[in-house]
């Protein structure tokens, strides 16, 4: 029996899984991403473990989900904000040569969106726009169960969409960009600035649940900001469903209804709005990568 390998490149960890052709994860592991040491160093750690742990599996192909922006035609990482030092690295060629297997690469949000459209919350829909809100903010457009990449591999790269006039500058982003305002990292940044002490994203949401007035205002503004981004997406693309995943929403699913209500006030017809929480969770990137 032959298998697939799915690889998920993250800013914190590199994850890999042996997956059946039906999408079932057989085995998986992760290694720390020491970003500052570069792509080759970290990928070699992953490759070594794959060769040690899975040498008994008949692996047919490898799929990779990596942070964008990417050159999908050549399988190259361009200049992702959370992978400094990995710029212009051809991950497809590197892994193919090291593993001696065919490799396909796509955006990490794209592969998670593909998984959600095939076996997750969007499996009953022809058009799915997937959004991930975690360390960064990413997007994917899936039509008829296929990823839409665009002429320059940039379809659904919503992280740099301008949503307000905030002057915060994050390297590689516009001022007022969706990621710079709404990612988990920036929820923590804004919370720390307002509260005058170092906070994690989890700390901010814990204070929110305890009705800290300063943090309530932060989250209300966050809901409005992400709703601006979603309403823009709906106005341009009109997808059947919006599926939202990533750590911020997976750990705080109650936000979905609040976001949905806010989005309905910003679009031409509230009936256009169908927003769902992602079903697959942390393994969406691995499963979707293998499905490439």
C-alpha atoms as a PDB file:
ATOM      1  CA  UNK A   1       0.000   0.000   0.000  1.00  0.00           C
ATOM      2  CA  UNK A   2       1.336   3.418  -0.930  1.00  0.00           C
ATOM      3  CA  UNK A   3       1.053   6.568   1.163  1.00  0.00           C
ATOM      4  CA  UNK A   4       1.467  10.329   0.911  1.00  0.00           C
ATOM      5  CA  UNK A   5       3.467  12.686   3.099  1.00  0.00           C
ATOM      6  CA  UNK A   6       2.028  16.036   4.092  1.00  0.00           C
ATOM      7  CA  UNK A   7       4.362  18.746   5.412  1.00  0.00           C
ATOM      8  CA  UNK A   8       3.253  21.921   7.175  1.00  0.00           C
ATOM      9  CA  UNK A   9       5.822  24.723   7.442  1.00  0.00           C
ATOM     10  CA  UNK A  10       5.079  27.020  10.375  1.00  0.00           C
ATOM     11  CA  UNK A  11       6.910  29.860  12.054  1.00  0.00           C
ATOM     12  CA  UNK A  12       7.191  27.834  15.284  1.00  0.00           C
ATOM     13  CA  UNK A  13       7.235  24.204  14.119  1.00  0.00           C
ATOM     14  CA  UNK A  14       7.720  22.076  11.027  1.00  0.00           C
ATOM     15  CA  UNK A  15       5.206  19.225  10.975  1.00  0.00           C
ATOM     16  CA  UNK A  16       5.020  16.102   8.845  1.00  0.00           C
ATOM     17  CA  UNK A  17       2.560  13.222   8.543  1.00  0.00           C
ATOM     18  CA  UNK A  18       2.204   9.959   6.690  1.00  0.00           C
ATOM     19  CA  UNK A  19      -1.310  10.044   5.276  1.00  0.00           C
ATOM     20  CA  UNK A  20      -3.427   7.504   3.438  1.00  0.00           C
ATOM     21  CA  UNK A  21      -4.903   8.422   0.077  1.00  0.00           C
ATOM     22  CA  UNK A  22      -8.256   8.695   1.857  1.00  0.00           C
ATOM     23  CA  UNK A  23      -6.909  11.489   4.047  1.00  0.00           C
ATOM     24  CA  UNK A  24      -6.305   9.523   7.266  1.00  0.00           C
ATOM     25  CA  UNK A  25      -3.226  10.487   9.273  1.00  0.00           C
ATOM     26  CA  UNK A  26      -1.240   7.342  10.073  1.00  0.00           C
ATOM     27  CA  UNK A  27       1.708   8.898  11.923  1.00  0.00           C
ATOM     28  CA  UNK A  28       2.950  12.440  12.478  1.00  0.00           C
ATOM     29  CA  UNK A  29       5.664  14.391  14.261  1.00  0.00           C
ATOM     30  CA  UNK A  30       7.035  17.920  14.531  1.00  0.00           C
ATOM     31  CA  UNK A  31      10.398  19.615  14.965  1.00  0.00           C
ATOM     32  CA  UNK A  32      11.117  23.122  16.192  1.00  0.00           C
ATOM     33  CA  UNK A  33      11.612  25.745  13.511  1.00  0.00           C
ATOM     34  CA  UNK A  34      14.781  27.638  14.411  1.00  0.00           C
ATOM     35  CA  UNK A  35      13.906  30.289  11.853  1.00  0.00           C
ATOM     36  CA  UNK A  36      17.095  32.300  12.238  1.00  0.00           C
ATOM     37  CA  UNK A  37      19.166  29.287  11.087  1.00  0.00           C
ATOM     38  CA  UNK A  38      17.553  29.307   7.652  1.00  0.00           C
ATOM     39  CA  UNK A  39      15.527  26.971   5.491  1.00  0.00           C
ATOM     40  CA  UNK A  40      18.080  24.265   4.682  1.00  0.00           C
ATOM     41  CA  UNK A  41      19.098  23.760   8.321  1.00  0.00           C
ATOM     42  CA  UNK A  42      15.504  23.325   9.503  1.00  0.00           C
ATOM     43  CA  UNK A  43      14.340  21.229   6.560  1.00  0.00           C
ATOM     44  CA  UNK A  44      17.291  18.889   7.076  1.00  0.00           C
ATOM     45  CA  UNK A  45      16.066  18.214  10.621  1.00  0.00           C
ATOM     46  CA  UNK A  46      12.657  17.292   9.218  1.00  0.00           C
ATOM     47  CA  UNK A  47      14.098  15.181   6.401  1.00  0.00           C
ATOM     48  CA  UNK A  48      16.334  13.244   8.783  1.00  0.00           C
ATOM     49  CA  UNK A  49      13.353  12.328  10.957  1.00  0.00           C
ATOM     50  CA  UNK A  50      11.271  11.326   7.929  1.00  0.00           C
ATOM     51  CA  UNK A  51      14.015   8.977   6.742  1.00  0.00           C
ATOM     52  CA  UNK A  52      14.476   7.467  10.205  1.00  0.00           C
ATOM     53  CA  UNK A  53      10.833   7.099  11.208  1.00  0.00           C
ATOM     54  CA  UNK A  54       9.125   6.275   7.927  1.00  0.00           C
ATOM     55  CA  UNK A  55      11.615   4.239   5.948  1.00  0.00           C
ATOM     56  CA  UNK A  56       9.226   1.249   6.004  1.00  0.00           C
ATOM     57  CA  UNK A  57       6.382   3.118   4.275  1.00  0.00           C
ATOM     58  CA  UNK A  58       5.988   3.081   0.515  1.00  0.00           C
ATOM     59  CA  UNK A  59       5.606   6.823  -0.018  1.00  0.00           C
ATOM     60  CA  UNK A  60       4.394   7.953  -3.432  1.00  0.00           C
ATOM     61  CA  UNK A  61       4.390  11.765  -3.257  1.00  0.00           C
ATOM     62  CA  UNK A  62       4.944  14.711  -0.929  1.00  0.00           C
ATOM     63  CA  UNK A  63       2.775  17.807  -0.510  1.00  0.00           C
ATOM     64  CA  UNK A  64       3.913  20.940   1.311  1.00  0.00           C
ATOM     65  CA  UNK A  65       1.986  23.825   2.806  1.00  0.00           C
ATOM     66  CA  UNK A  66       4.224  26.869   3.339  1.00  0.00           C
ATOM     67  CA  UNK A  67       3.604  30.496   4.319  1.00  0.00           C
ATOM     68  CA  UNK A  68       3.076  32.870   1.410  1.00  0.00           C
ATOM     69  CA  UNK A  69       3.805  34.654  -0.681  1.00  0.00           C
ATOM     70  CA  UNK A  70       5.112  31.864  -2.888  1.00  0.00           C
ATOM     71  CA  UNK A  71       6.147  31.304  -6.472  1.00  0.00           C
ATOM     72  CA  UNK A  72       3.906  28.298  -6.989  1.00  0.00           C
ATOM     73  CA  UNK A  73       5.056  27.567 -10.518  1.00  0.00           C
ATOM     74  CA  UNK A  74       8.598  26.953  -9.274  1.00  0.00           C
ATOM     75  CA  UNK A  75       7.870  25.911  -5.686  1.00  0.00           C
ATOM     76  CA  UNK A  76       9.793  28.806  -4.169  1.00  0.00           C
ATOM     77  CA  UNK A  77       9.240  30.657  -0.897  1.00  0.00           C
ATOM     78  CA  UNK A  78       9.446  34.395  -1.613  1.00  0.00           C
ATOM     79  CA  UNK A  79       9.385  36.755   1.398  1.00  0.00           C
ATOM     80  CA  UNK A  80       7.003  35.539   4.130  1.00  0.00           C
ATOM     81  CA  UNK A  81       6.874  37.952   7.101  1.00  0.00           C
ATOM     82  CA  UNK A  82       7.246  35.177   9.697  1.00  0.00           C
ATOM     83  CA  UNK A  83      10.134  33.301   8.032  1.00  0.00           C
ATOM     84  CA  UNK A  84      12.912  35.854   7.922  1.00  0.00           C
ATOM     85  CA  UNK A  85      15.999  34.293   6.366  1.00  0.00           C
ATOM     86  CA  UNK A  86      14.001  31.867   4.197  1.00  0.00           C
ATOM     87  CA  UNK A  87      13.552  34.339   1.323  1.00  0.00           C
ATOM     88  CA  UNK A  88      13.722  33.017  -2.271  1.00  0.00           C
ATOM     89  CA  UNK A  89      14.312  29.427  -1.146  1.00  0.00           C
ATOM     90  CA  UNK A  90      13.197  26.710  -3.590  1.00  0.00           C
ATOM     91  CA  UNK A  91      11.575  24.308  -1.172  1.00  0.00           C
ATOM     92  CA  UNK A  92      10.151  22.089  -3.907  1.00  0.00           C
ATOM     93  CA  UNK A  93      13.519  21.303  -5.497  1.00  0.00           C
ATOM     94  CA  UNK A  94      15.257  20.945  -2.143  1.00  0.00           C
ATOM     95  CA  UNK A  95      12.805  18.398  -0.741  1.00  0.00           C
ATOM     96  CA  UNK A  96      12.497  16.524  -4.029  1.00  0.00           C
ATOM     97  CA  UNK A  97      16.257  16.065  -4.254  1.00  0.00           C
ATOM     98  CA  UNK A  98      16.667  15.100  -0.590  1.00  0.00           C
ATOM     99  CA  UNK A  99      13.701  12.690  -0.479  1.00  0.00           C
ATOM    100  CA  UNK A 100      13.875  11.504  -4.108  1.00  0.00           C
ATOM    101  CA  UNK A 101      10.118  11.950  -4.461  1.00  0.00           C
ATOM    102  CA  UNK A 102       7.764  14.190  -6.465  1.00  0.00           C
ATOM    103  CA  UNK A 103       6.887  17.308  -4.431  1.00  0.00           C
ATOM    104  CA  UNK A 104       4.069  19.838  -4.778  1.00  0.00           C
ATOM    105  CA  UNK A 105       4.025  23.112  -2.840  1.00  0.00           C
ATOM    106  CA  UNK A 106       1.220  25.502  -2.093  1.00  0.00           C
ATOM    107  CA  UNK A 107       0.348  28.210   0.389  1.00  0.00           C
ATOM    108  CA  UNK A 108      -0.335  26.914   3.905  1.00  0.00           C
ATOM    109  CA  UNK A 109      -3.718  28.621   4.000  1.00  0.00           C
ATOM    110  CA  UNK A 110      -4.563  27.203   0.570  1.00  0.00           C
ATOM    111  CA  UNK A 111      -3.921  23.621   1.637  1.00  0.00           C
ATOM    112  CA  UNK A 112      -5.874  24.061   4.886  1.00  0.00           C
ATOM    113  CA  UNK A 113      -8.713  25.551   2.858  1.00  0.00           C
ATOM    114  CA  UNK A 114      -8.556  22.631   0.445  1.00  0.00           C
ATOM    115  CA  UNK A 115      -8.889  20.182   3.329  1.00  0.00           C
ATOM    116  CA  UNK A 116     -11.849  22.103   4.748  1.00  0.00           C
ATOM    117  CA  UNK A 117     -13.544  22.124   1.338  1.00  0.00           C
ATOM    118  CA  UNK A 118     -13.045  18.398   0.814  1.00  0.00           C
ATOM    119  CA  UNK A 119     -13.634  16.873   4.249  1.00  0.00           C
ATOM    120  CA  UNK A 120     -14.332  19.787   6.603  1.00  0.00           C
ATOM    121  CA  UNK A 121     -16.835  22.572   7.182  1.00  0.00           C
ATOM    122  CA  UNK A 122     -17.131  23.494   3.505  1.00  0.00           C
ATOM    123  CA  UNK A 123     -17.540  20.017   2.040  1.00  0.00           C
ATOM    124  CA  UNK A 124     -21.159  20.729   1.027  1.00  0.00           C
ATOM    125  CA  UNK A 125     -20.260  23.942  -0.848  1.00  0.00           C
ATOM    126  CA  UNK A 126     -19.048  24.677  -4.378  1.00  0.00           C
ATOM    127  CA  UNK A 127     -17.185  27.848  -3.377  1.00  0.00           C
ATOM    128  CA  UNK A 128     -15.273  28.203  -0.108  1.00  0.00           C
ATOM    129  CA  UNK A 129     -13.198  31.128   1.117  1.00  0.00           C
ATOM    130  CA  UNK A 130     -10.993  29.964   3.965  1.00  0.00           C
ATOM    131  CA  UNK A 131      -9.368  32.351   6.459  1.00  0.00           C
ATOM    132  CA  UNK A 132      -6.782  31.419   9.049  1.00  0.00           C
ATOM    133  CA  UNK A 133      -6.100  33.702  12.005  1.00  0.00           C
ATOM    134  CA  UNK A 134      -3.061  32.573  13.969  1.00  0.00           C
ATOM    135  CA  UNK A 135       0.529  33.883  14.078  1.00  0.00           C
ATOM    136  CA  UNK A 136      -0.397  35.554  10.797  1.00  0.00           C
ATOM    137  CA  UNK A 137      -3.553  35.940   8.715  1.00  0.00           C
ATOM    138  CA  UNK A 138      -3.987  33.992   5.482  1.00  0.00           C
ATOM    139  CA  UNK A 139      -6.664  33.083   2.999  1.00  0.00           C
ATOM    140  CA  UNK A 140      -7.637  30.550   0.340  1.00  0.00           C
ATOM    141  CA  UNK A 141     -10.206  30.448  -2.437  1.00  0.00           C
ATOM    142  CA  UNK A 142     -11.490  26.993  -3.354  1.00  0.00           C
ATOM    143  CA  UNK A 143     -13.845  26.618  -6.326  1.00  0.00           C
ATOM    144  CA  UNK A 144     -15.297  23.223  -7.241  1.00  0.00           C
ATOM    145  CA  UNK A 145     -12.849  21.590  -4.804  1.00  0.00           C
ATOM    146  CA  UNK A 146      -9.804  23.122  -6.501  1.00  0.00           C
ATOM    147  CA  UNK A 147      -7.408  25.791  -5.245  1.00  0.00           C
ATOM    148  CA  UNK A 148      -7.468  29.002  -7.254  1.00  0.00           C
ATOM    149  CA  UNK A 149      -3.877  30.248  -7.351  1.00  0.00           C
ATOM    150  CA  UNK A 150      -4.100  33.239  -9.696  1.00  0.00           C
ATOM    151  CA  UNK A 151      -1.745  34.477 -12.416  1.00  0.00           C
ATOM    152  CA  UNK A 152       0.976  35.402  -9.907  1.00  0.00           C
ATOM    153  CA  UNK A 153       0.253  32.853  -7.149  1.00  0.00           C
ATOM    154  CA  UNK A 154      -1.388  35.612  -5.095  1.00  0.00           C
ATOM    155  CA  UNK A 155      -5.096  34.755  -5.018  1.00  0.00           C
ATOM    156  CA  UNK A 156      -6.524  35.165  -1.493  1.00  0.00           C
ATOM    157  CA  UNK A 157      -3.289  36.624  -0.049  1.00  0.00           C
ATOM    158  CA  UNK A 158      -5.402  38.786   2.226  1.00  0.00           C
ATOM    159  CA  UNK A 159      -2.736  39.393   4.889  1.00  0.00           C
ATOM    160  CA  UNK A 160      -1.728  42.706   3.283  1.00  0.00           C
ATOM    161  CA  UNK A 161      -5.271  43.982   2.638  1.00  0.00           C
ATOM    162  CA  UNK A 162      -5.615  47.512   4.057  1.00  0.00           C
ATOM    163  CA  UNK A 163      -8.526  47.673   6.484  1.00  0.00           C
ATOM    164  CA  UNK A 164      -7.918  50.869   8.472  1.00  0.00           C
ATOM    165  CA  UNK A 165      -5.641  53.904   8.864  1.00  0.00           C
ATOM    166  CA  UNK A 166      -3.598  52.629  11.806  1.00  0.00           C
ATOM    167  CA  UNK A 167       0.037  53.706  11.478  1.00  0.00           C
ATOM    168  CA  UNK A 168       1.604  50.526  12.897  1.00  0.00           C
ATOM    169  CA  UNK A 169       4.293  49.189  10.570  1.00  0.00           C
ATOM    170  CA  UNK A 170       5.032  45.457  10.459  1.00  0.00           C
ATOM    171  CA  UNK A 171       7.894  44.495   8.138  1.00  0.00           C
ATOM    172  CA  UNK A 172       6.593  43.397   4.764  1.00  0.00           C
ATOM    173  CA  UNK A 173       3.100  44.790   5.342  1.00  0.00           C
ATOM    174  CA  UNK A 174       1.150  47.898   4.485  1.00  0.00           C
ATOM    175  CA  UNK A 175       0.149  50.246   7.271  1.00  0.00           C
ATOM    176  CA  UNK A 176      -3.300  49.238   8.443  1.00  0.00           C
ATOM    177  CA  UNK A 177      -2.961  45.743   6.934  1.00  0.00           C
ATOM    178  CA  UNK A 178      -5.288  42.940   8.014  1.00  0.00           C
ATOM    179  CA  UNK A 179      -2.471  40.845   9.505  1.00  0.00           C
ATOM    180  CA  UNK A 180      -0.910  43.825  11.268  1.00  0.00           C
ATOM    181  CA  UNK A 181      -4.234  44.511  12.964  1.00  0.00           C
ATOM    182  CA  UNK A 182      -5.835  41.096  13.442  1.00  0.00           C
ATOM    183  CA  UNK A 183      -3.246  38.309  13.797  1.00  0.00           C
ATOM    184  CA  UNK A 184      -2.699  36.598  17.129  1.00  0.00           C
ATOM    185  CA  UNK A 185       0.718  38.221  17.414  1.00  0.00           C
ATOM    186  CA  UNK A 186      -0.814  41.653  16.936  1.00  0.00           C
ATOM    187  CA  UNK A 187      -3.689  41.023  19.331  1.00  0.00           C
ATOM    188  CA  UNK A 188      -0.951  40.428  21.924  1.00  0.00           C
ATOM    189  CA  UNK A 189       0.953  43.524  20.752  1.00  0.00           C
ATOM    190  CA  UNK A 190      -2.072  45.797  21.010  1.00  0.00           C
ATOM    191  CA  UNK A 191      -3.084  44.320  24.367  1.00  0.00           C
ATOM    192  CA  UNK A 192       0.422  44.819  25.742  1.00  0.00           C
ATOM    193  CA  UNK A 193       0.492  48.451  24.570  1.00  0.00           C
ATOM    194  CA  UNK A 194      -2.914  49.269  26.053  1.00  0.00           C
ATOM    195  CA  UNK A 195      -2.379  47.436  29.352  1.00  0.00           C
ATOM    196  CA  UNK A 196       1.214  48.557  29.830  1.00  0.00           C
ATOM    197  CA  UNK A 197       2.668  45.088  30.367  1.00  0.00           C
ATOM    198  CA  UNK A 198       3.710  42.097  28.289  1.00  0.00           C
ATOM    199  CA  UNK A 199       0.707  39.955  27.358  1.00  0.00           C
ATOM    200  CA  UNK A 200       0.274  36.858  25.219  1.00  0.00           C
ATOM    201  CA  UNK A 201      -2.724  36.372  22.948  1.00  0.00           C
ATOM    202  CA  UNK A 202      -4.155  33.945  25.511  1.00  0.00           C
ATOM    203  CA  UNK A 203      -3.696  36.553  28.245  1.00  0.00           C
ATOM    204  CA  UNK A 204      -5.683  39.087  26.226  1.00  0.00           C
ATOM    205  CA  UNK A 205      -8.614  36.727  25.749  1.00  0.00           C
ATOM    206  CA  UNK A 206      -8.540  35.710  29.412  1.00  0.00           C
ATOM    207  CA  UNK A 207      -8.819  39.384  30.383  1.00  0.00           C
ATOM    208  CA  UNK A 208     -11.625  39.749  27.847  1.00  0.00           C
ATOM    209  CA  UNK A 209     -13.557  36.875  29.435  1.00  0.00           C
ATOM    210  CA  UNK A 210     -13.074  38.614  32.792  1.00  0.00           C
ATOM    211  CA  UNK A 211     -14.623  41.767  31.324  1.00  0.00           C
ATOM    212  CA  UNK A 212     -11.546  43.972  31.579  1.00  0.00           C
ATOM    213  CA  UNK A 213     -12.848  47.169  29.969  1.00  0.00           C
ATOM    214  CA  UNK A 214      -9.576  47.976  28.213  1.00  0.00           C
ATOM    215  CA  UNK A 215      -9.431  44.544  26.610  1.00  0.00           C
ATOM    216  CA  UNK A 216     -13.152  44.510  25.793  1.00  0.00           C
ATOM    217  CA  UNK A 217     -12.515  47.581  23.659  1.00  0.00           C
ATOM    218  CA  UNK A 218      -9.546  45.858  21.976  1.00  0.00           C
ATOM    219  CA  UNK A 219     -11.562  42.764  21.036  1.00  0.00           C
ATOM    220  CA  UNK A 220     -14.550  44.807  19.888  1.00  0.00           C
ATOM    221  CA  UNK A 221     -12.236  46.764  17.598  1.00  0.00           C
ATOM    222  CA  UNK A 222     -10.645  43.505  16.444  1.00  0.00           C
ATOM    223  CA  UNK A 223     -14.071  42.104  15.541  1.00  0.00           C
ATOM    224  CA  UNK A 224     -14.829  45.254  13.557  1.00  0.00           C
ATOM    225  CA  UNK A 225     -11.460  45.124  11.764  1.00  0.00           C
ATOM    226  CA  UNK A 226     -11.671  41.478  10.742  1.00  0.00           C
ATOM    227  CA  UNK A 227     -15.287  42.019   9.705  1.00  0.00           C
ATOM    228  CA  UNK A 228     -14.162  44.799   7.360  1.00  0.00           C
ATOM    229  CA  UNK A 229     -11.776  42.346   5.724  1.00  0.00           C
ATOM    230  CA  UNK A 230     -14.428  39.629   5.426  1.00  0.00           C
ATOM    231  CA  UNK A 231     -17.053  41.999   4.051  1.00  0.00           C
ATOM    232  CA  UNK A 232     -14.562  43.127   1.395  1.00  0.00           C
ATOM    233  CA  UNK A 233     -13.970  39.493   0.450  1.00  0.00           C
ATOM    234  CA  UNK A 234     -17.699  38.822   0.209  1.00  0.00           C
ATOM    235  CA  UNK A 235     -18.259  41.939  -1.898  1.00  0.00           C
ATOM    236  CA  UNK A 236     -15.569  40.931  -4.403  1.00  0.00           C
ATOM    237  CA  UNK A 237     -15.901  37.119  -4.503  1.00  0.00           C
ATOM    238  CA  UNK A 238     -19.362  36.262  -3.109  1.00  0.00           C
ATOM    239  CA  UNK A 239     -18.373  32.785  -1.858  1.00  0.00           C
ATOM    240  CA  UNK A 240     -20.992  30.314  -0.716  1.00  0.00           C
ATOM    241  CA  UNK A 241     -19.310  30.039   2.670  1.00  0.00           C
ATOM    242  CA  UNK A 242     -16.515  31.616   4.692  1.00  0.00           C
ATOM    243  CA  UNK A 243     -14.666  29.089   6.868  1.00  0.00           C
ATOM    244  CA  UNK A 244     -12.409  30.506   9.588  1.00  0.00           C
ATOM    245  CA  UNK A 245      -9.651  28.489  11.240  1.00  0.00           C
ATOM    246  CA  UNK A 246      -6.363  29.124  12.985  1.00  0.00           C
ATOM    247  CA  UNK A 247      -5.509  29.182  16.672  1.00  0.00           C
ATOM    248  CA  UNK A 248      -7.283  32.453  17.535  1.00  0.00           C
ATOM    249  CA  UNK A 249     -10.710  31.203  16.422  1.00  0.00           C
ATOM    250  CA  UNK A 250     -10.214  27.526  17.254  1.00  0.00           C
ATOM    251  CA  UNK A 251      -9.527  28.509  20.884  1.00  0.00           C
ATOM    252  CA  UNK A 252     -12.267  31.159  20.934  1.00  0.00           C
ATOM    253  CA  UNK A 253     -15.083  29.760  18.750  1.00  0.00           C
ATOM    254  CA  UNK A 254     -17.691  32.045  20.344  1.00  0.00           C
ATOM    255  CA  UNK A 255     -16.189  34.859  18.253  1.00  0.00           C
ATOM    256  CA  UNK A 256     -17.670  33.392  15.061  1.00  0.00           C
ATOM    257  CA  UNK A 257     -21.223  34.528  15.801  1.00  0.00           C
ATOM    258  CA  UNK A 258     -19.998  37.984  16.805  1.00  0.00           C
ATOM    259  CA  UNK A 259     -17.992  38.319  13.607  1.00  0.00           C
ATOM    260  CA  UNK A 260     -20.929  37.090  11.542  1.00  0.00           C
ATOM    261  CA  UNK A 261     -23.290  39.642  13.073  1.00  0.00           C
ATOM    262  CA  UNK A 262     -20.784  42.422  12.410  1.00  0.00           C
ATOM    263  CA  UNK A 263     -20.166  41.357   8.811  1.00  0.00           C
ATOM    264  CA  UNK A 264     -23.917  41.377   8.126  1.00  0.00           C
ATOM    265  CA  UNK A 265     -23.963  45.105   8.861  1.00  0.00           C
ATOM    266  CA  UNK A 266     -21.271  45.741   6.217  1.00  0.00           C
ATOM    267  CA  UNK A 267     -22.524  43.856   3.123  1.00  0.00           C
ATOM    268  CA  UNK A 268     -25.290  44.558   0.636  1.00  0.00           C
ATOM    269  CA  UNK A 269     -27.435  41.606   1.730  1.00  0.00           C
ATOM    270  CA  UNK A 270     -27.062  39.848   5.103  1.00  0.00           C
ATOM    271  CA  UNK A 271     -28.213  36.608   3.487  1.00  0.00           C
ATOM    272  CA  UNK A 272     -24.891  36.517   1.641  1.00  0.00           C
ATOM    273  CA  UNK A 273     -23.161  35.807   4.955  1.00  0.00           C
ATOM    274  CA  UNK A 274     -22.476  32.186   5.940  1.00  0.00           C
ATOM    275  CA  UNK A 275     -19.489  32.005   8.288  1.00  0.00           C
ATOM    276  CA  UNK A 276     -18.438  28.707   9.872  1.00  0.00           C
ATOM    277  CA  UNK A 277     -15.696  27.575  12.206  1.00  0.00           C
ATOM    278  CA  UNK A 278     -13.123  25.230  10.679  1.00  0.00           C
ATOM    279  CA  UNK A 279     -13.748  21.577  11.514  1.00  0.00           C
ATOM    280  CA  UNK A 280     -10.419  19.821  10.980  1.00  0.00           C
ATOM    281  CA  UNK A 281      -8.327  21.929  13.332  1.00  0.00           C
ATOM    282  CA  UNK A 282      -4.540  21.741  13.590  1.00  0.00           C
ATOM    283  CA  UNK A 283      -4.234  18.911  11.067  1.00  0.00           C
ATOM    284  CA  UNK A 284      -5.889  20.763   8.169  1.00  0.00           C
ATOM    285  CA  UNK A 285      -2.541  21.871   6.764  1.00  0.00           C
ATOM    286  CA  UNK A 286      -1.102  18.355   6.850  1.00  0.00           C
ATOM    287  CA  UNK A 287      -4.156  16.721   5.289  1.00  0.00           C
ATOM    288  CA  UNK A 288      -4.599  19.452   2.687  1.00  0.00           C
ATOM    289  CA  UNK A 289      -0.917  19.357   1.716  1.00  0.00           C
ATOM    290  CA  UNK A 290      -1.147  15.631   1.077  1.00  0.00           C
ATOM    291  CA  UNK A 291      -4.243  16.234  -1.078  1.00  0.00           C
ATOM    292  CA  UNK A 292      -2.271  18.447  -3.464  1.00  0.00           C
END
